[in-house]
C-alpha atoms as a PDB file:
ATOM      1  CA  UNK A   1      16.199 -94.760 -70.221  1.00  0.00           C
ATOM      2  CA  UNK A   2      16.124 -94.435 -66.435  1.00  0.00           C
ATOM      3  CA  UNK A   3      16.955 -97.425 -64.302  1.00  0.00           C
ATOM      4  CA  UNK A   4      13.980 -98.949 -62.466  1.00  0.00           C
ATOM      5  CA  UNK A   5      13.895 -98.494 -58.711  1.00  0.00           C
ATOM      6  CA  UNK A   6      13.562-101.711 -56.752  1.00  0.00           C
ATOM      7  CA  UNK A   7      11.937-101.999 -53.349  1.00  0.00           C
ATOM      8  CA  UNK A   8      12.403-104.728 -50.795  1.00  0.00           C
ATOM      9  CA  UNK A   9       9.365-105.166 -48.588  1.00  0.00           C
ATOM     10  CA  UNK A  10       9.931-105.710 -44.873  1.00  0.00           C
ATOM     11  CA  UNK A  11       7.390-108.494 -44.423  1.00  0.00           C
ATOM     12  CA  UNK A  12       8.231-109.009 -40.751  1.00  0.00           C
ATOM     13  CA  UNK A  13       7.323-105.370 -40.058  1.00  0.00           C
ATOM     14  CA  UNK A  14       3.996-105.777 -41.894  1.00  0.00           C
ATOM     15  CA  UNK A  15       3.234-108.850 -39.811  1.00  0.00           C
ATOM     16  CA  UNK A  16       4.147-107.024 -36.607  1.00  0.00           C
ATOM     17  CA  UNK A  17       1.825-104.136 -37.493  1.00  0.00           C
ATOM     18  CA  UNK A  18      -1.050-106.450 -38.469  1.00  0.00           C
ATOM     19  CA  UNK A  19      -0.835-108.241 -35.101  1.00  0.00           C
ATOM     20  CA  UNK A  20      -0.351-105.125 -32.951  1.00  0.00           C
ATOM     21  CA  UNK A  21      -2.694-104.241 -30.065  1.00  0.00           C
ATOM     22  CA  UNK A  22      -3.695-101.054 -31.907  1.00  0.00           C
ATOM     23  CA  UNK A  23      -5.037-103.097 -34.824  1.00  0.00           C
ATOM     24  CA  UNK A  24      -6.881-105.386 -32.374  1.00  0.00           C
ATOM     25  CA  UNK A  25      -8.517-102.339 -30.756  1.00  0.00           C
ATOM     26  CA  UNK A  26      -9.498-100.936 -34.149  1.00  0.00           C
ATOM     27  CA  UNK A  27     -10.980-104.288 -35.242  1.00  0.00           C
ATOM     28  CA  UNK A  28     -12.890-104.564 -31.957  1.00  0.00           C
ATOM     29  CA  UNK A  29     -14.292-101.076 -32.442  1.00  0.00           C
ATOM     30  CA  UNK A  30     -15.374-101.833 -36.005  1.00  0.00           C
ATOM     31  CA  UNK A  31     -17.088-105.141 -35.193  1.00  0.00           C
ATOM     32  CA  UNK A  32     -18.713-103.608 -32.077  1.00  0.00           C
ATOM     33  CA  UNK A  33     -20.142-100.800 -34.224  1.00  0.00           C
ATOM     34  CA  UNK A  34     -21.444-103.275 -36.805  1.00  0.00           C
ATOM     35  CA  UNK A  35     -23.117-105.504 -34.192  1.00  0.00           C
ATOM     36  CA  UNK A  36     -24.635-102.452 -32.458  1.00  0.00           C
ATOM     37  CA  UNK A  37     -25.975-101.180 -35.783  1.00  0.00           C
ATOM     38  CA  UNK A  38     -27.433-104.531 -36.857  1.00  0.00           C
ATOM     39  CA  UNK A  39     -28.921-105.449 -33.478  1.00  0.00           C
ATOM     40  CA  UNK A  40     -30.030-108.866 -32.294  1.00  0.00           C
ATOM     41  CA  UNK A  41     -29.002-112.031 -34.091  1.00  0.00           C
ATOM     42  CA  UNK A  42     -25.415-111.127 -34.984  1.00  0.00           C
ATOM     43  CA  UNK A  43     -22.237-112.171 -33.154  1.00  0.00           C
ATOM     44  CA  UNK A  44     -18.717-110.778 -33.332  1.00  0.00           C
ATOM     45  CA  UNK A  45     -15.277-112.278 -33.019  1.00  0.00           C
ATOM     46  CA  UNK A  46     -11.726-110.875 -33.136  1.00  0.00           C
ATOM     47  CA  UNK A  47      -8.839-113.335 -33.188  1.00  0.00           C
ATOM     48  CA  UNK A  48      -5.098-113.218 -33.684  1.00  0.00           C
ATOM     49  CA  UNK A  49      -4.179-115.411 -36.622  1.00  0.00           C
ATOM     50  CA  UNK A  50      -0.791-116.685 -37.704  1.00  0.00           C
ATOM     51  CA  UNK A  51       0.064-113.544 -39.676  1.00  0.00           C
ATOM     52  CA  UNK A  52      -2.636-111.012 -38.738  1.00  0.00           C
ATOM     53  CA  UNK A  53      -5.590-110.261 -36.512  1.00  0.00           C
ATOM     54  CA  UNK A  54      -9.006-110.914 -37.964  1.00  0.00           C
ATOM     55  CA  UNK A  55     -12.413-109.594 -37.070  1.00  0.00           C
ATOM     56  CA  UNK A  56     -15.698-111.144 -38.105  1.00  0.00           C
ATOM     57  CA  UNK A  57     -19.426-110.648 -37.635  1.00  0.00           C
ATOM     58  CA  UNK A  58     -21.693-113.611 -38.264  1.00  0.00           C
ATOM     59  CA  UNK A  59     -25.408-114.271 -38.393  1.00  0.00           C
ATOM     60  CA  UNK A  60     -26.298-116.301 -35.304  1.00  0.00           C
ATOM     61  CA  UNK A  61     -30.074-116.524 -35.632  1.00  0.00           C
ATOM     62  CA  UNK A  62     -32.484-117.405 -38.433  1.00  0.00           C
ATOM     63  CA  UNK A  63     -33.969-113.891 -38.464  1.00  0.00           C
ATOM     64  CA  UNK A  64     -30.490-112.412 -38.975  1.00  0.00           C
ATOM     65  CA  UNK A  65     -29.768-114.860 -41.796  1.00  0.00           C
ATOM     66  CA  UNK A  66     -32.991-113.885 -43.564  1.00  0.00           C
ATOM     67  CA  UNK A  67     -32.286-110.173 -42.995  1.00  0.00           C
ATOM     68  CA  UNK A  68     -28.771-110.493 -44.374  1.00  0.00           C
ATOM     69  CA  UNK A  69     -29.903-112.501 -47.418  1.00  0.00           C
ATOM     70  CA  UNK A  70     -32.666-110.017 -48.199  1.00  0.00           C
ATOM     71  CA  UNK A  71     -30.863-106.733 -47.489  1.00  0.00           C
ATOM     72  CA  UNK A  72     -27.108-107.505 -47.578  1.00  0.00           C
ATOM     73  CA  UNK A  73     -27.047-106.124 -44.049  1.00  0.00           C
ATOM     74  CA  UNK A  74     -23.508-107.251 -43.178  1.00  0.00           C
ATOM     75  CA  UNK A  75     -22.001-105.849 -46.352  1.00  0.00           C
ATOM     76  CA  UNK A  76     -23.811-102.518 -46.006  1.00  0.00           C
ATOM     77  CA  UNK A  77     -22.881-102.172 -42.325  1.00  0.00           C
ATOM     78  CA  UNK A  78     -19.246-102.904 -43.148  1.00  0.00           C
ATOM     79  CA  UNK A  79     -19.261-100.322 -45.942  1.00  0.00           C
ATOM     80  CA  UNK A  80     -20.457 -97.681 -43.456  1.00  0.00           C
ATOM     81  CA  UNK A  81     -17.441 -98.394 -41.213  1.00  0.00           C
ATOM     82  CA  UNK A  82     -14.878 -96.650 -43.430  1.00  0.00           C
ATOM     83  CA  UNK A  83     -12.173 -96.078 -40.780  1.00  0.00           C
ATOM     84  CA  UNK A  84      -9.124 -94.087 -41.803  1.00  0.00           C
ATOM     85  CA  UNK A  85      -9.725 -94.360 -45.538  1.00  0.00           C
END
């Protein structure tokens, strides 16, 4: 029987990539596209966390909340943003 190959993940490199300016630009582009597609009532945010950058789009108005609850607007808009996959 063949011996199993072991891998050692370089977690510091993953963290460096996840907090890189390129990832921030990509997240900004994605959330900008989502907000532009959904229109009024949605707000975006991109922040650098402890281990990675995070982008979010939230419902900021009652009309947007109702639209999202009825149509799953945020989920559908995110699914249409398939970048690099």
